[in-house]
């Protein structure tokens, strides 16, 4: 089977809320998220703990 019919509950208001939260935490274009990655914030590596 190549295609399979599916049904999804979709609420556009939830997407708007999530976008607002993302922008608040990471900047409109994700510039704060990129900066956090560059500083190692939130990284859980084998040699350390969460920053």
C-alpha atoms as a PDB file:
ATOM      1  CA  UNK A   1       0.000   0.000   0.000  1.00  0.00           C
ATOM      2  CA  UNK A   2       1.467   3.318  -1.052  1.00  0.00           C
ATOM      3  CA  UNK A   3      -1.192   5.596   0.378  1.00  0.00           C
ATOM      4  CA  UNK A   4      -3.378   5.117   3.393  1.00  0.00           C
ATOM      5  CA  UNK A   5      -6.298   7.285   4.391  1.00  0.00           C
ATOM      6  CA  UNK A   6      -5.979   8.831   7.846  1.00  0.00           C
ATOM      7  CA  UNK A   7      -7.985  11.253   9.917  1.00  0.00           C
ATOM      8  CA  UNK A   8      -6.529  13.903  12.213  1.00  0.00           C
ATOM      9  CA  UNK A   9      -8.120  16.151  14.780  1.00  0.00           C
ATOM     10  CA  UNK A  10      -6.874  19.560  13.713  1.00  0.00           C
ATOM     11  CA  UNK A  11      -7.388  22.772  15.644  1.00  0.00           C
ATOM     12  CA  UNK A  12      -5.808  25.858  14.045  1.00  0.00           C
ATOM     13  CA  UNK A  13      -6.004  27.737  17.351  1.00  0.00           C
ATOM     14  CA  UNK A  14      -3.584  25.285  18.958  1.00  0.00           C
ATOM     15  CA  UNK A  15      -1.067  26.014  16.210  1.00  0.00           C
ATOM     16  CA  UNK A  16      -1.379  29.743  16.837  1.00  0.00           C
ATOM     17  CA  UNK A  17      -0.798  29.222  20.557  1.00  0.00           C
ATOM     18  CA  UNK A  18       2.242  27.035  19.937  1.00  0.00           C
ATOM     19  CA  UNK A  19       3.702  29.556  17.504  1.00  0.00           C
ATOM     20  CA  UNK A  20       3.325  32.359  20.057  1.00  0.00           C
ATOM     21  CA  UNK A  21       5.038  30.220  22.693  1.00  0.00           C
ATOM     22  CA  UNK A  22       7.870  29.285  20.320  1.00  0.00           C
ATOM     23  CA  UNK A  23       8.459  32.929  19.391  1.00  0.00           C
ATOM     24  CA  UNK A  24       8.462  33.909  23.057  1.00  0.00           C
ATOM     25  CA  UNK A  25      11.056  31.267  23.945  1.00  0.00           C
ATOM     26  CA  UNK A  26      13.207  31.239  20.798  1.00  0.00           C
ATOM     27  CA  UNK A  27      12.686  34.499  18.921  1.00  0.00           C
ATOM     28  CA  UNK A  28      10.573  35.061  15.845  1.00  0.00           C
ATOM     29  CA  UNK A  29      12.992  33.326  13.495  1.00  0.00           C
ATOM     30  CA  UNK A  30      14.566  31.000  16.046  1.00  0.00           C
ATOM     31  CA  UNK A  31      17.603  33.222  16.570  1.00  0.00           C
ATOM     32  CA  UNK A  32      17.520  32.666  20.334  1.00  0.00           C
ATOM     33  CA  UNK A  33      17.291  28.900  19.821  1.00  0.00           C
ATOM     34  CA  UNK A  34      20.357  29.016  17.570  1.00  0.00           C
ATOM     35  CA  UNK A  35      22.231  31.078  20.166  1.00  0.00           C
ATOM     36  CA  UNK A  36      21.287  28.588  22.900  1.00  0.00           C
ATOM     37  CA  UNK A  37      22.584  25.707  20.803  1.00  0.00           C
ATOM     38  CA  UNK A  38      25.824  27.600  20.199  1.00  0.00           C
ATOM     39  CA  UNK A  39      26.288  28.127  23.940  1.00  0.00           C
ATOM     40  CA  UNK A  40      25.481  24.491  24.709  1.00  0.00           C
ATOM     41  CA  UNK A  41      22.351  25.372  26.680  1.00  0.00           C
ATOM     42  CA  UNK A  42      20.074  22.386  27.008  1.00  0.00           C
ATOM     43  CA  UNK A  43      22.648  19.909  25.729  1.00  0.00           C
ATOM     44  CA  UNK A  44      22.780  16.584  27.534  1.00  0.00           C
ATOM     45  CA  UNK A  45      25.976  14.975  26.363  1.00  0.00           C
ATOM     46  CA  UNK A  46      27.804  11.905  27.540  1.00  0.00           C
ATOM     47  CA  UNK A  47      30.438  14.061  29.271  1.00  0.00           C
ATOM     48  CA  UNK A  48      28.224  16.451  31.189  1.00  0.00           C
ATOM     49  CA  UNK A  49      24.891  17.357  32.607  1.00  0.00           C
ATOM     50  CA  UNK A  50      22.203  19.657  31.296  1.00  0.00           C
ATOM     51  CA  UNK A  51      23.368  23.276  31.161  1.00  0.00           C
END
